[in-house]
Amino acid sequence: MKLTLDLHDIYNRGDDIDRALRGVIDEAIAKKAKLVEIIPGKGSGQLKKRVLRFLDRKDIKPLYHRVEKDSHNFGRVFVHFRPK
């Protein structure tokens, strides 16, 4: 199962971004999803950096297995989960 979070609609609302990211991670854990695709878009790269900083937080990092930046599409980040 793969979940997708597109951040285009909330790119300039910081609290909404963090809430959406936390929500999709919690949903992935609850549904035992193996993959979450986060789409910050290409733009200036600031939103992607914010997503990566969020994923690197000490309270978030233990919740997933690894992060993969799409080598073919700069505007996508994949978060991999191990089923428990």
Protein backbone atom coordinates (compact mmCIF):
# COMPACT_ATOMS: atom_id res chain seq x y z
CA MET A 1 0.00 0.00 0.00
CA LYS A 2 1.22 3.49 -0.90
CA LEU A 3 -0.08 6.77 0.47
CA THR A 4 0.43 10.11 -1.27
CA LEU A 5 0.58 13.62 0.19
CA ASP A 6 0.59 16.53 -2.26
CA LEU A 7 1.69 19.77 -0.58
CA HIS A 8 0.96 22.11 -3.50
CA ASP A 9 -2.23 23.47 -1.93
CA ILE A 10 -0.66 24.33 1.44
CA TYR A 11 2.88 25.26 0.41
CA ASN A 12 2.82 28.60 2.26
CA ARG A 13 1.08 27.58 5.50
CA GLY A 14 3.73 26.23 7.86
CA ASP A 15 1.53 24.75 10.59
CA ASP A 16 -0.69 23.05 8.02
CA ILE A 17 2.37 21.49 6.38
CA ASP A 18 3.61 19.99 9.66
CA ARG A 19 0.08 18.77 10.50
CA ALA A 20 -0.31 17.17 7.06
CA LEU A 21 3.10 15.47 7.29
CA ARG A 22 2.39 14.11 10.76
CA GLY A 23 -1.06 12.99 9.64
CA VAL A 24 0.19 10.99 6.67
CA ILE A 25 2.91 9.35 8.78
CA ASP A 26 0.36 8.39 11.45
CA GLU A 27 -1.97 7.08 8.73
CA ALA A 28 0.83 5.02 7.19
CA ILE A 29 1.60 3.45 10.57
CA ALA A 30 -2.09 2.76 11.30
CA LYS A 31 -2.70 1.21 7.87
CA LYS A 32 0.69 -0.55 7.80
CA ALA A 33 1.59 1.15 4.52
CA LYS A 34 5.05 0.41 3.16
CA LEU A 35 5.50 3.69 1.30
CA VAL A 36 4.45 7.33 1.51
CA GLU A 37 5.03 9.59 -1.48
CA ILE A 38 5.33 13.26 -0.50
CA ILE A 39 5.08 15.80 -3.32
CA PRO A 40 6.51 19.17 -2.28
CA GLY A 41 6.86 20.17 -5.95
CA LYS A 42 9.92 21.51 -7.71
CA GLY A 43 9.79 25.26 -7.05
CA SER A 44 12.73 26.82 -5.20
CA GLY A 45 13.38 23.72 -3.10
CA GLN A 46 12.45 25.38 0.20
CA LEU A 47 9.37 23.21 0.75
CA LYS A 48 11.36 20.04 0.05
CA LYS A 49 13.98 21.18 2.58
CA ARG A 50 11.22 21.77 5.13
CA VAL A 51 9.85 18.25 4.51
CA LEU A 52 13.31 16.72 4.95
CA ARG A 53 13.89 18.72 8.17
CA PHE A 54 10.53 17.50 9.49
CA LEU A 55 11.41 13.89 8.68
CA ASP A 56 14.77 14.31 10.42
CA ARG A 57 13.22 15.41 13.73
CA LYS A 58 14.13 13.14 16.64
CA ASP A 59 10.46 12.40 17.41
CA ILE A 60 9.66 11.50 13.76
CA LYS A 61 12.78 9.65 12.58
CA PRO A 62 12.14 6.44 14.59
CA LEU A 63 8.70 6.06 12.99
CA TYR A 64 9.96 5.16 9.51
CA HIS A 65 12.71 3.05 7.94
CA ARG A 66 14.31 5.37 5.37
CA VAL A 67 13.82 8.40 3.11
CA GLU A 68 14.52 8.32 -0.61
CA LYS A 69 14.75 11.38 -2.84
CA ASP A 70 13.43 10.60 -6.34
CA SER A 71 16.43 10.76 -8.67
CA HIS A 72 14.20 11.29 -11.72
CA ASN A 73 11.82 13.87 -10.25
CA PHE A 74 13.25 16.53 -7.90
CA GLY A 75 9.75 17.31 -6.61
CA ARG A 76 9.11 13.95 -4.87
CA VAL A 77 10.26 12.30 -1.65
CA PHE A 78 9.53 8.69 -0.69
CA VAL A 79 9.31 7.59 2.93
CA HIS A 80 9.68 3.83 3.41
CA PHE A 81 8.21 1.97 6.37
CA ARG A 82 8.92 -1.49 7.72
CA PRO A 83 5.82 -3.45 8.62
CA LYS A 84 5.63 -4.29 12.32
